[in-house]
C-alpha cells in the first residue's frame, strides 16, 4: 500500500468509525424503553449519562471549594493525609475557617503552659518512617521515604485512664485516642493489618474490632483490643444464633483483648450491621460463624435483653465470664433514656464500665440514607447530655465516656474532652491513612484503593509496609496536637480539659459557655 493510499485509508477510518458508533447509539438507544432521554436524544443523552457518572469525581477535585465537600471536605482530607505522610500539621499564612459562622472555640489562657511543664511521657522514642519532599513543581514531584524518630506523647502513669477499675482485669489506657469499630469484612485483611501494625507501634491506644468479631488481622500488630459484640453476636454465636459464652471466654483470654463492647447502635445506622454476600468469604464466614457468600444482617437489637434491667444482667454475666470491663455503644436520642440508664445505675450499683456515644454524623460501610441523615443526635450535644445526666445521678465516676463522630483533628478532640468525654474513637480518618479516597463504594466490594473490599485483586493496591507508618504518624501527630492545645488552654495535660475551656459562638457572634449551651439543649430536647 502506497503512502497516499494509507493516508486515505486512515482518513476514511477516522470518519467511518465515529459515524458507525453514533449510528449504533441512535439505532439502539432510540428503540430502548428504559431511558426516556435516550429515546429522543440518543447521542446527547449518552453524553449526559457520562457526565453524570463522572460528576462526583469532578466535583471532588475541581469544582467543590476546599471546605465544601461532604461528608469530608478536601481540607478535612488533607488534615488527615498530610500528618500521616509527613508527620506534621503545620500551616502558614492563616486559617481557612469562617470565624463569623457559628462554632466551638478553645478558650486560651493568658499564661499558657510551656512544653517542659506538660505532664507527658516521651521517654522512649518510636521508630517510624515519613515522607520528605525533594522536588515539587507543576510537572514533577519527588519524595523520599525516610527513617525518623518520633515522640509517643503518652499520658503519664498518674494520668492513665482506667476502665473498669473493679474488674478482675481493668483496662489501663495511656492515650486518649483509639480506633473505632471497623470489622474485617467491611475492610479487607490488608487494611486491618496495616491499622493494627501502626496502632501497635504507637502504643497506649486500642483497636475496636467492630461487630464482625475478632480476626487474626486485628491481632497482627500487638495493639490492645476492644472486642465489639453486635446484635448478630458475630464471632461468639452458636450455630443457631445464640450467645456462646465458652467462645467468648476463649477470646477474652487472649492477652490483647482488654474490654468488651455491646453495640446497641451506631451513629450512621441506629440498627444492626449489614454485610453484602460478596464480602462474606469463607474465612470471614468462619470468623463470624456464618455461611459463606450470604448477605449478613444483624437484628435491630439484641435478643438477649429488652430493657435496662435485663441489659445490666447481661453485662454482669459477660463481666463475670471474662473478667474484663464491659461497655455499651449508644446513639443518644432523648434525655429520658439517659435518665433511666443513670437512675438504674444509681439504684443498683450495676451497669457498664464505659459508654461509647456515637454521633449521627458517624460513618459506616453500609446503611440506609434515612437513618444516616436523620436519626440520632450529633456528637456534641450527645456528649454533654450523657456526661451531665451521669453527674446528676452521681454515677459519672463509675463509667468512662468514649466519644466518636468526625473527631479527627486535635482541636475537635479537645472540644469533645472539654464537653465531658474521657476518650475518643476515630474510624474514617484512619481509613484515609491506609489509602481511602472517599469513593463511597464501601458497600459494593469495589473499593478502588483496596481498603473497604475483600477482593484480592483490588487489595493488592494497599501496601501494608508503607501504610502502617501513615497510621502511626497520624496518631502521634494527633496526640502532640492535643497536648499543644491543652498547653494553650493553660493545663498540664489533656485529661484536665473541661467545660471551662470551651466556648460556643452563634451565627450572630454571641458567645456562650457550655453551661448555657447545655441548658439550651435541655429546653430544645425536652
Protein backbone atom coordinates (compact mmCIF):
# COMPACT_ATOMS: atom_id res chain seq x y z
CA UNK A 1 0.00 0.00 0.00
CA UNK A 2 1.40 3.38 -1.04
CA UNK A 3 1.75 6.25 1.37
CA UNK A 4 -1.16 8.13 -0.24
CA UNK A 5 -3.42 5.09 -0.08
CA UNK A 6 -2.54 4.55 3.58
CA UNK A 7 -3.38 8.15 4.39
CA UNK A 8 -6.74 7.85 2.61
CA UNK A 9 -7.47 4.62 4.47
CA UNK A 10 -6.74 6.29 7.83
CA UNK A 11 -8.92 9.29 6.95
CA UNK A 12 -11.80 7.01 5.96
CA UNK A 13 -11.45 5.10 9.23
CA UNK A 14 -11.45 8.33 11.22
CA UNK A 15 -14.70 9.30 9.53
CA UNK A 16 -16.47 5.96 9.40
CA UNK A 17 -15.72 4.68 12.90
CA UNK A 18 -17.34 7.67 14.71
CA UNK A 19 -20.25 7.58 12.25
CA UNK A 20 -20.76 3.88 12.90
CA UNK A 21 -20.60 4.47 16.64
CA UNK A 22 -23.17 7.28 16.54
CA UNK A 23 -25.39 5.24 14.24
CA UNK A 24 -25.25 2.37 16.71
CA UNK A 25 -26.19 4.71 19.57
CA UNK A 26 -29.09 6.10 17.54
CA UNK A 27 -30.47 2.74 16.46
CA UNK A 28 -30.04 1.06 19.83
CA UNK A 29 -30.93 3.84 22.27
CA UNK A 30 -33.80 5.27 20.22
CA UNK A 31 -35.62 1.95 20.47
CA UNK A 32 -34.94 1.03 24.09
CA UNK A 33 -37.72 1.64 26.65
CA UNK A 34 -35.81 2.22 29.88
CA UNK A 35 -34.46 5.79 29.49
CA UNK A 36 -36.74 8.49 28.08
CA UNK A 37 -33.99 11.00 27.29
CA UNK A 38 -32.10 8.43 25.19
CA UNK A 39 -35.18 7.70 23.05
CA UNK A 40 -35.39 11.33 21.98
CA UNK A 41 -31.70 12.30 22.08
CA UNK A 42 -29.57 9.13 21.77
CA UNK A 43 -26.20 10.87 21.38
CA UNK A 44 -26.63 13.90 23.65
CA UNK A 45 -28.40 11.70 26.18
CA UNK A 46 -25.38 9.37 26.30
CA UNK A 47 -23.10 12.36 26.89
CA UNK A 48 -25.38 13.40 29.74
CA UNK A 49 -25.09 10.00 31.42
CA UNK A 50 -21.29 10.04 31.05
CA UNK A 51 -21.08 13.46 32.71
CA UNK A 52 -23.45 12.28 35.45
CA UNK A 53 -21.24 9.25 36.08
CA UNK A 54 -18.03 11.22 36.49
CA UNK A 55 -19.75 14.12 38.31
CA UNK A 56 -18.74 13.12 41.88
CA UNK A 57 -15.06 12.91 40.95
CA UNK A 58 -15.20 16.20 39.03
CA UNK A 59 -16.79 17.97 41.98
CA UNK A 60 -14.37 16.44 44.48
CA UNK A 61 -11.22 17.51 42.64
CA UNK A 62 -12.21 20.52 40.52
CA UNK A 63 -15.42 22.29 41.48
CA UNK A 64 -16.02 21.97 45.24
CA UNK A 65 -14.22 24.56 47.36
CA UNK A 66 -11.66 23.24 49.88
CA UNK A 67 -14.21 23.39 52.69
CA UNK A 68 -17.37 22.32 50.82
CA UNK A 69 -17.22 18.56 50.18
CA UNK A 70 -19.37 16.13 52.18
CA UNK A 71 -19.09 14.06 54.31
CA UNK A 72 -15.45 15.22 54.41
CA UNK A 73 -14.16 18.28 52.60
CA UNK A 74 -10.86 18.45 50.73
CA UNK A 75 -9.41 20.34 53.69
CA UNK A 76 -10.65 17.68 56.11
CA UNK A 77 -8.99 15.03 53.96
CA UNK A 78 -5.70 16.91 53.92
CA UNK A 79 -5.88 17.36 57.71
CA UNK A 80 -5.57 13.58 57.90
CA UNK A 81 -3.36 12.65 54.95
CA UNK A 82 -0.65 15.29 55.39
CA UNK A 83 0.13 14.43 59.05
CA UNK A 84 0.07 10.75 58.09
CA UNK A 85 2.60 11.22 55.29
CA UNK A 86 4.82 13.97 56.65
CA UNK A 87 4.25 13.73 60.42
CA UNK A 88 3.36 17.40 60.75
CA UNK A 89 0.21 19.53 60.84
CA UNK A 90 1.91 22.90 60.30
CA UNK A 91 0.17 25.51 58.12
CA UNK A 92 1.12 29.03 57.07
CA UNK A 93 -0.48 32.43 56.49
CA UNK A 94 -3.78 31.77 58.26
CA UNK A 95 -6.82 29.62 58.86
CA UNK A 96 -9.47 28.97 56.20
CA UNK A 97 -12.14 28.82 58.87
CA UNK A 98 -15.02 31.31 58.58
CA UNK A 99 -14.84 32.95 62.01
CA UNK A 100 -18.18 34.74 61.52
CA UNK A 101 -20.05 31.41 61.45
CA UNK A 102 -21.27 29.51 64.50
CA UNK A 103 -18.87 27.04 66.07
CA UNK A 104 -16.80 25.96 69.06
CA UNK A 105 -13.56 27.53 70.25
CA UNK A 106 -10.90 26.63 72.82
CA UNK A 107 -10.50 29.32 75.48
CA UNK A 108 -6.81 30.14 75.62
CA UNK A 109 -5.05 31.09 78.85
CA UNK A 110 -3.25 34.39 79.26
CA UNK A 111 -0.29 32.42 80.59
CA UNK A 112 -0.12 29.11 78.71
CA UNK A 113 1.99 26.16 79.79
CA UNK A 114 5.47 25.67 78.45
CA UNK A 115 6.20 22.30 76.84
CA UNK A 116 8.55 21.35 79.66
CA UNK A 117 5.71 21.99 82.11
CA UNK A 118 3.43 19.43 80.48
CA UNK A 119 2.83 16.07 82.17
CA UNK A 120 3.69 13.75 79.31
CA UNK A 121 5.69 10.57 78.83
CA UNK A 122 8.10 10.99 75.92
CA UNK A 123 10.92 8.95 77.40
CA UNK A 124 11.11 6.24 74.73
CA UNK A 125 11.14 7.42 71.11
CA UNK A 126 9.32 5.45 68.42
CA UNK A 127 10.91 4.34 65.14
CA UNK A 128 8.84 5.43 62.17
CA UNK A 129 9.11 6.38 58.51
CA UNK A 130 7.82 9.52 56.85
CA UNK A 131 7.99 11.28 53.50
CA UNK A 132 10.36 14.13 52.74
CA UNK A 133 9.66 16.29 49.69
CA UNK A 134 12.75 16.57 47.48
CA UNK A 135 11.26 18.37 44.49
CA UNK A 136 7.75 19.68 43.88
CA UNK A 137 6.68 21.68 40.84
CA UNK A 138 3.83 21.65 38.34
CA UNK A 139 5.05 18.67 36.33
CA UNK A 140 7.22 16.75 38.78
CA UNK A 141 7.02 15.63 42.38
CA UNK A 142 9.80 13.67 44.03
CA UNK A 143 9.59 12.36 47.58
CA UNK A 144 11.84 10.21 49.74
CA UNK A 145 10.58 7.73 52.33
CA UNK A 146 12.98 8.22 55.24
CA UNK A 147 13.57 6.75 58.69
CA UNK A 148 12.59 9.00 61.58
CA UNK A 149 12.22 9.11 65.34
CA UNK A 150 9.01 10.32 66.96
CA UNK A 151 7.83 11.15 70.45
CA UNK A 152 4.94 8.94 71.63
CA UNK A 153 3.08 11.70 73.53
CA UNK A 154 1.68 9.27 76.09
CA UNK A 155 -0.16 10.15 79.28
CA UNK A 156 1.92 9.68 82.38
CA UNK A 157 1.13 6.75 84.64
CA UNK A 158 -0.56 9.09 87.12
CA UNK A 159 -2.86 10.40 84.35
CA UNK A 160 -3.58 6.99 82.81
CA UNK A 161 -7.29 6.33 82.33
CA UNK A 162 -8.51 3.14 83.99
CA UNK A 163 -11.63 1.49 82.57
CA UNK A 164 -13.34 -0.94 84.94
CA UNK A 165 -11.09 -0.48 88.00
CA UNK A 166 -13.14 -3.02 89.97
CA UNK A 167 -12.94 -5.72 87.28
CA UNK A 168 -10.57 -8.67 87.59
CA UNK A 169 -8.64 -7.24 84.63
CA UNK A 170 -9.02 -3.45 84.35
CA UNK A 171 -8.09 -1.75 81.08
CA UNK A 172 -5.40 0.91 81.56
CA UNK A 173 -5.13 3.43 78.71
CA UNK A 174 -2.14 5.76 78.18
CA UNK A 175 -3.50 7.62 75.15
CA UNK A 176 -6.90 9.25 74.72
CA UNK A 177 -7.34 8.41 71.02
CA UNK A 178 -8.14 5.00 69.56
CA UNK A 179 -9.70 3.30 66.58
CA UNK A 180 -13.46 2.94 66.38
CA UNK A 181 -15.14 -0.31 65.36
CA UNK A 182 -14.21 -1.41 61.84
CA UNK A 183 -14.85 -5.04 61.04
CA UNK A 184 -12.84 -7.46 59.00
CA UNK A 185 -15.19 -7.95 56.10
CA UNK A 186 -16.23 -4.33 55.91
CA UNK A 187 -12.49 -3.70 55.45
CA UNK A 188 -10.05 -6.10 53.83
CA UNK A 189 -7.32 -8.01 55.63
CA UNK A 190 -4.57 -5.70 54.36
CA UNK A 191 -6.31 -2.60 55.69
CA UNK A 192 -6.96 -4.20 59.09
CA UNK A 193 -3.35 -5.44 59.28
CA UNK A 194 -1.88 -2.03 58.42
CA UNK A 195 -4.10 -0.38 61.03
CA UNK A 196 -3.17 -2.97 63.66
CA UNK A 197 0.55 -2.61 62.95
CA UNK A 198 0.50 1.18 63.06
CA UNK A 199 -1.57 1.38 66.23
CA UNK A 200 0.58 -1.27 67.84
CA UNK A 201 3.75 0.71 67.17
CA UNK A 202 2.14 3.83 68.65
CA UNK A 203 1.43 2.09 72.00
CA UNK A 204 -1.09 3.33 74.56
CA UNK A 205 -4.05 3.03 72.20
CA UNK A 206 -6.70 0.48 71.23
CA UNK A 207 -8.40 -1.07 68.23
CA UNK A 208 -12.12 -1.83 68.24
CA UNK A 209 -12.94 -4.94 66.21
CA UNK A 210 -16.34 -3.78 65.03
CA UNK A 211 -19.28 -6.14 65.26
CA UNK A 212 -17.74 -8.51 62.71
CA UNK A 213 -15.73 -10.09 65.51
CA UNK A 214 -12.08 -10.68 66.31
CA UNK A 215 -9.94 -11.67 63.32
CA UNK A 216 -6.26 -12.69 63.15
CA UNK A 217 -5.58 -9.41 61.36
CA UNK A 218 -6.78 -7.31 64.31
CA UNK A 219 -4.18 -9.12 66.42
CA UNK A 220 -1.26 -8.73 63.98
CA UNK A 221 0.25 -5.57 65.43
CA UNK A 222 0.01 -6.40 69.13
CA UNK A 223 -2.36 -3.48 69.82
CA UNK A 224 -4.88 -3.59 72.68
CA UNK A 225 -8.29 -4.80 71.52
CA UNK A 226 -11.85 -3.83 72.42
CA UNK A 227 -13.96 -6.77 71.27
CA UNK A 228 -17.28 -5.46 69.97
CA UNK A 229 -20.38 -7.65 70.01
CA UNK A 230 -23.36 -6.58 67.93
CA UNK A 231 -26.93 -7.90 67.92
CA UNK A 232 -25.87 -10.61 65.45
CA UNK A 233 -23.33 -11.96 68.00
CA UNK A 234 -20.83 -12.47 65.17
CA UNK A 235 -17.83 -14.48 66.30
CA UNK A 236 -19.34 -15.51 69.64
CA UNK A 237 -22.51 -17.26 68.47
CA UNK A 238 -23.65 -20.84 68.26
CA UNK A 239 -24.90 -22.36 65.01
CA UNK A 240 -28.46 -21.42 65.91
CA UNK A 241 -27.51 -17.80 66.66
CA UNK A 242 -27.39 -17.91 70.46
CA UNK A 243 -24.67 -16.43 72.69
CA UNK A 244 -21.71 -18.81 73.04
CA UNK A 245 -20.16 -17.91 76.38
CA UNK A 246 -17.43 -20.54 76.04
CA UNK A 247 -16.26 -18.98 72.80
CA UNK A 248 -16.44 -15.53 74.39
CA UNK A 249 -14.35 -16.73 77.33
CA UNK A 250 -11.77 -18.22 74.97
CA UNK A 251 -11.43 -14.93 73.09
CA UNK A 252 -11.30 -12.92 76.32
CA UNK A 253 -8.30 -15.00 77.45
CA UNK A 254 -6.25 -13.63 74.52
CA UNK A 255 -3.88 -11.15 76.26
CA UNK A 256 -4.54 -8.35 73.74
CA UNK A 257 -8.30 -8.37 74.39
CA UNK A 258 -8.81 -5.73 77.09
CA UNK A 259 -12.56 -4.94 77.05
CA UNK A 260 -15.94 -5.98 75.63
CA UNK A 261 -18.35 -3.56 73.96
CA UNK A 262 -22.04 -4.28 73.28
CA UNK A 263 -23.12 -2.32 70.24
CA UNK A 264 -26.69 -1.13 70.75
CA UNK A 265 -26.49 1.43 67.95
CA UNK A 266 -24.16 3.31 65.63
CA UNK A 267 -24.40 6.92 64.52
CA UNK A 268 -24.98 6.24 60.83
CA UNK A 269 -27.28 3.29 61.49
CA UNK A 270 -29.27 3.02 64.69
CA UNK A 271 -29.77 -0.63 63.89
CA UNK A 272 -27.77 -3.82 63.34
CA UNK A 273 -24.97 -4.09 60.81
CA UNK A 274 -25.09 -5.16 57.15
CA UNK A 275 -22.51 -7.02 55.07
CA UNK A 276 -23.04 -7.84 51.40
CA UNK A 277 -22.75 -11.50 50.47
CA UNK A 278 -19.93 -10.72 48.02
CA UNK A 279 -17.78 -9.78 51.03
CA UNK A 280 -18.57 -12.89 53.09
CA UNK A 281 -15.63 -15.04 52.03
CA UNK A 282 -15.16 -18.49 53.63
CA UNK A 283 -12.59 -17.03 56.01
CA UNK A 284 -14.89 -14.20 57.09
CA UNK A 285 -17.77 -16.64 57.41
CA UNK A 286 -15.66 -18.80 59.73
CA UNK A 287 -14.70 -15.80 61.89
CA UNK A 288 -18.29 -14.58 62.12
CA UNK A 289 -19.82 -18.09 62.42
CA UNK A 290 -21.91 -17.60 59.26
CA UNK A 291 -22.48 -19.22 55.88
CA UNK A 292 -20.13 -18.06 53.08
CA UNK A 293 -21.32 -15.70 50.34
CA UNK A 294 -24.63 -14.94 52.04
CA UNK A 295 -25.56 -11.35 52.95
CA UNK A 296 -25.42 -10.87 56.73
CA UNK A 297 -27.80 -8.54 58.55
CA UNK A 298 -27.86 -8.10 62.32
CA UNK A 299 -31.19 -7.71 64.12
CA UNK A 300 -32.13 -4.17 65.13
CA UNK A 301 -31.40 -5.02 68.75
CA UNK A 302 -30.11 -7.81 70.96
CA UNK A 303 -32.47 -10.72 71.54
CA UNK A 304 -30.73 -11.39 74.87
CA UNK A 305 -32.23 -8.35 76.60
CA UNK A 306 -35.15 -5.99 76.09
CA UNK A 307 -34.82 -3.30 78.77
CA UNK A 308 -32.26 -1.74 81.11
CA UNK A 309 -32.57 -4.31 83.95
CA UNK A 310 -32.12 -7.27 81.58
CA UNK A 311 -29.27 -5.47 79.79
CA UNK A 312 -27.49 -4.92 83.12
CA UNK A 313 -27.87 -8.63 83.91
CA UNK A 314 -26.31 -9.50 80.55
CA UNK A 315 -23.44 -7.06 81.17
CA UNK A 316 -22.81 -8.58 84.60
CA UNK A 317 -22.82 -12.09 83.13
CA UNK A 318 -20.25 -11.14 80.48
CA UNK A 319 -18.09 -9.36 83.05
CA UNK A 320 -18.18 -12.42 85.33
CA UNK A 321 -17.30 -14.82 82.50
CA UNK A 322 -14.48 -12.72 81.02
CA UNK A 323 -13.16 -10.66 83.94
CA UNK A 324 -12.96 -7.72 81.54
CA UNK A 325 -14.60 -4.28 81.57
CA UNK A 326 -17.87 -4.26 79.62
CA UNK A 327 -19.33 -1.21 77.90
CA UNK A 328 -22.17 -0.26 75.61
CA UNK A 329 -22.21 1.74 72.39
CA UNK A 330 -25.22 4.04 72.02
CA UNK A 331 -26.65 6.86 69.96
CA UNK A 332 -28.41 9.47 72.09
CA UNK A 333 -32.00 10.09 71.04
CA UNK A 334 -33.60 11.68 74.10
CA UNK A 335 -32.87 12.60 77.70
CA UNK A 336 -35.42 10.21 79.20
CA UNK A 337 -33.44 7.16 78.05
CA UNK A 338 -30.29 8.57 79.63
CA UNK A 339 -32.19 9.38 82.83
CA UNK A 340 -33.48 5.81 83.04
CA UNK A 341 -30.00 4.41 82.47
CA UNK A 342 -28.33 6.63 85.08
CA UNK A 343 -31.15 6.15 87.60
CA UNK A 344 -30.89 2.36 87.40
CA UNK A 345 -27.11 2.59 87.76
CA UNK A 346 -27.58 4.62 90.93
CA UNK A 347 -30.22 2.30 92.44
CA UNK A 348 -28.48 -1.00 91.69
CA UNK A 349 -24.78 -0.16 91.72
CA UNK A 350 -24.56 -2.06 88.42
CA UNK A 351 -24.10 -1.02 84.81
CA UNK A 352 -21.46 -0.61 82.11
CA UNK A 353 -17.84 0.27 82.79
CA UNK A 354 -17.78 2.56 79.76
CA UNK A 355 -20.25 4.09 77.34
CA UNK A 356 -19.29 4.80 73.75
CA UNK A 357 -21.53 7.57 72.45
CA UNK A 358 -21.65 7.89 68.67
CA UNK A 359 -22.94 10.98 66.90
CA UNK A 360 -25.33 10.91 63.98
CA UNK A 361 -22.50 12.22 61.78
CA UNK A 362 -20.63 8.95 62.24
CA UNK A 363 -19.80 6.74 59.27
CA UNK A 364 -20.45 3.16 58.21
CA UNK A 365 -19.77 0.69 55.45
CA UNK A 366 -23.46 0.28 54.65
CA UNK A 367 -26.69 1.88 55.86
CA UNK A 368 -29.94 3.42 54.70
CA UNK A 369 -30.00 7.09 53.68
CA UNK A 370 -32.87 7.97 56.02
CA UNK A 371 -31.00 6.60 59.04
CA UNK A 372 -27.71 8.29 58.19
CA UNK A 373 -29.34 11.68 57.55
CA UNK A 374 -32.00 11.99 60.23
CA UNK A 375 -31.83 9.55 63.16
CA UNK A 376 -29.93 10.30 66.37
CA UNK A 377 -28.33 13.40 67.87
CA UNK A 378 -24.99 14.85 66.70
CA UNK A 379 -21.98 14.05 68.85
CA UNK A 380 -21.51 17.36 70.69
CA UNK A 381 -24.95 17.66 72.31
CA UNK A 382 -24.89 13.89 72.84
CA UNK A 383 -21.67 14.06 74.87
CA UNK A 384 -22.95 16.87 77.08
CA UNK A 385 -26.33 15.26 77.68
CA UNK A 386 -24.77 11.93 78.65
CA UNK A 387 -21.99 13.45 80.77
CA UNK A 388 -24.26 15.76 82.76
CA UNK A 389 -27.00 13.19 83.22
CA UNK A 390 -24.49 10.80 84.77
CA UNK A 391 -23.28 13.62 87.05
CA UNK A 392 -26.86 14.43 88.05
CA UNK A 393 -27.38 10.88 89.32
CA UNK A 394 -23.96 10.64 90.97
CA UNK A 395 -22.62 7.82 88.80
CA UNK A 396 -20.23 9.68 86.47
CA UNK A 397 -17.15 8.46 88.35
CA UNK A 398 -18.12 4.81 87.70
CA UNK A 399 -18.16 5.00 83.92
CA UNK A 400 -15.84 6.30 81.22
CA UNK A 401 -17.21 8.05 78.12
CA UNK A 402 -15.74 7.35 74.67
CA UNK A 403 -16.93 9.80 72.01
CA UNK A 404 -16.99 9.26 68.23
CA UNK A 405 -18.28 11.22 65.26
CA UNK A 406 -15.84 13.10 62.97
CA UNK A 407 -13.41 13.94 65.78
CA UNK A 408 -10.37 13.74 63.53
CA UNK A 409 -8.27 16.81 64.47
CA UNK A 410 -6.69 17.81 67.81
CA UNK A 411 -8.99 20.81 68.30
CA UNK A 412 -12.13 18.74 67.69
CA UNK A 413 -10.87 16.16 70.16
CA UNK A 414 -10.09 18.87 72.73
CA UNK A 415 -13.65 20.22 72.42
CA UNK A 416 -15.07 16.71 72.95
CA UNK A 417 -12.90 16.20 76.03
CA UNK A 418 -13.97 19.58 77.37
CA UNK A 419 -17.61 18.58 76.93
CA UNK A 420 -17.13 15.52 79.10
CA UNK A 421 -15.59 12.70 77.08
CA UNK A 422 -12.67 10.76 78.56
CA UNK A 423 -11.55 9.14 75.32
CA UNK A 424 -12.17 9.50 71.58
CA UNK A 425 -12.75 6.96 68.79
CA UNK A 426 -11.82 7.59 65.15
CA UNK A 427 -12.75 5.42 62.15
CA UNK A 428 -12.92 7.07 58.70
CA UNK A 429 -9.81 9.19 59.25
CA UNK A 430 -7.86 6.02 59.98
CA UNK A 431 -9.28 4.60 56.73
CA UNK A 432 -7.80 7.62 54.94
CA UNK A 433 -4.38 6.89 56.44
CA UNK A 434 -4.37 3.50 54.71
CA UNK A 435 -5.44 4.90 51.36
CA UNK A 436 -9.19 5.69 51.37
CA UNK A 437 -10.02 8.35 48.75
CA UNK A 438 -13.70 8.70 49.78
CA UNK A 439 -15.02 6.91 46.70
CA UNK A 440 -18.08 5.94 48.80
CA UNK A 441 -18.25 2.41 47.42
CA UNK A 442 -17.69 0.69 50.77
CA UNK A 443 -20.87 -1.40 50.49
CA UNK A 444 -20.17 -2.66 46.96
CA UNK A 445 -16.89 -4.55 47.49
CA UNK A 446 -15.37 -2.47 44.66
CA UNK A 447 -13.22 -0.04 46.69
CA UNK A 448 -10.70 1.24 44.08
CA UNK A 449 -7.83 1.50 46.58
CA UNK A 450 -8.27 -1.87 48.30
CA UNK A 451 -9.42 -0.59 51.71
CA UNK A 452 -13.12 -1.47 52.01
CA UNK A 453 -13.04 -4.64 49.94
CA UNK A 454 -12.22 -8.32 50.32
CA UNK A 455 -11.38 -8.68 46.60
CA UNK A 456 -7.71 -9.83 46.42
CA UNK A 457 -7.16 -8.08 43.08
CA UNK A 458 -8.23 -4.73 44.50
CA UNK A 459 -6.47 -5.24 47.83
CA UNK A 460 -3.08 -5.54 46.15
CA UNK A 461 -3.10 -1.72 45.83
CA UNK A 462 -2.68 -1.43 49.60
CA UNK A 463 0.94 -1.88 50.68
CA UNK A 464 0.92 -2.74 54.39
CA UNK A 465 4.60 -1.94 54.94
CA UNK A 466 4.03 1.66 53.82
CA UNK A 467 0.53 2.38 55.12
CA UNK A 468 1.25 1.18 58.67
CA UNK A 469 3.59 4.14 59.16
CA UNK A 470 0.91 6.57 57.97
CA UNK A 471 -1.38 5.20 60.68
CA UNK A 472 1.38 5.65 63.25
CA UNK A 473 2.31 9.18 62.15
CA UNK A 474 -1.28 10.37 62.11
CA UNK A 475 -1.97 9.14 65.63
CA UNK A 476 1.27 10.57 67.05
CA UNK A 477 0.58 13.94 65.38
CA UNK A 478 -2.94 13.95 66.87
CA UNK A 479 -1.56 13.30 70.35
CA UNK A 480 1.05 16.03 70.01
CA UNK A 481 -1.59 18.47 68.78
CA UNK A 482 -3.82 17.59 71.71
CA UNK A 483 -1.04 18.35 74.19
CA UNK A 484 -0.29 21.59 72.32
CA UNK A 485 -3.95 22.61 72.60
CA UNK A 486 -4.03 21.73 76.30
CA UNK A 487 -0.93 23.87 76.88
CA UNK A 488 -2.59 26.83 75.10
CA UNK A 489 -5.60 26.38 77.40
CA UNK A 490 -3.29 26.60 80.41
CA UNK A 491 -3.47 22.99 81.65
CA UNK A 492 -0.68 20.48 82.06
CA UNK A 493 -2.41 17.52 80.40
CA UNK A 494 -5.40 16.94 78.10
CA UNK A 495 -7.05 14.97 80.91
CA UNK A 496 -7.60 18.34 82.66
CA UNK A 497 -9.68 19.85 79.84
CA UNK A 498 -13.23 20.63 80.98
CA UNK A 499 -16.25 22.79 80.16
CA UNK A 500 -14.49 25.98 81.25
CA UNK A 501 -12.04 25.58 78.35
CA UNK A 502 -14.67 25.56 75.58
CA UNK A 503 -16.90 28.35 74.25
CA UNK A 504 -19.58 28.46 71.57
CA UNK A 505 -20.23 31.32 69.16
CA UNK A 506 -23.64 31.51 67.45
CA UNK A 507 -24.34 32.88 63.97
CA UNK A 508 -24.83 36.38 65.40
CA UNK A 509 -21.44 36.45 67.13
CA UNK A 510 -22.76 35.89 70.66
CA UNK A 511 -20.54 33.80 72.93
CA UNK A 512 -21.94 31.11 75.24
CA UNK A 513 -20.39 28.91 77.88
CA UNK A 514 -21.07 25.18 77.72
CA UNK A 515 -23.29 25.55 80.79
CA UNK A 516 -25.52 27.97 78.89
CA UNK A 517 -25.45 25.77 75.81
CA UNK A 518 -26.41 22.68 77.85
CA UNK A 519 -29.42 24.49 79.31
CA UNK A 520 -30.44 25.36 75.74
CA UNK A 521 -30.13 21.72 74.65
CA UNK A 522 -32.31 20.59 77.56
CA UNK A 523 -35.01 23.09 76.64
CA UNK A 524 -34.94 22.06 72.98
CA UNK A 525 -34.99 18.31 73.56
CA UNK A 526 -37.48 18.19 76.43
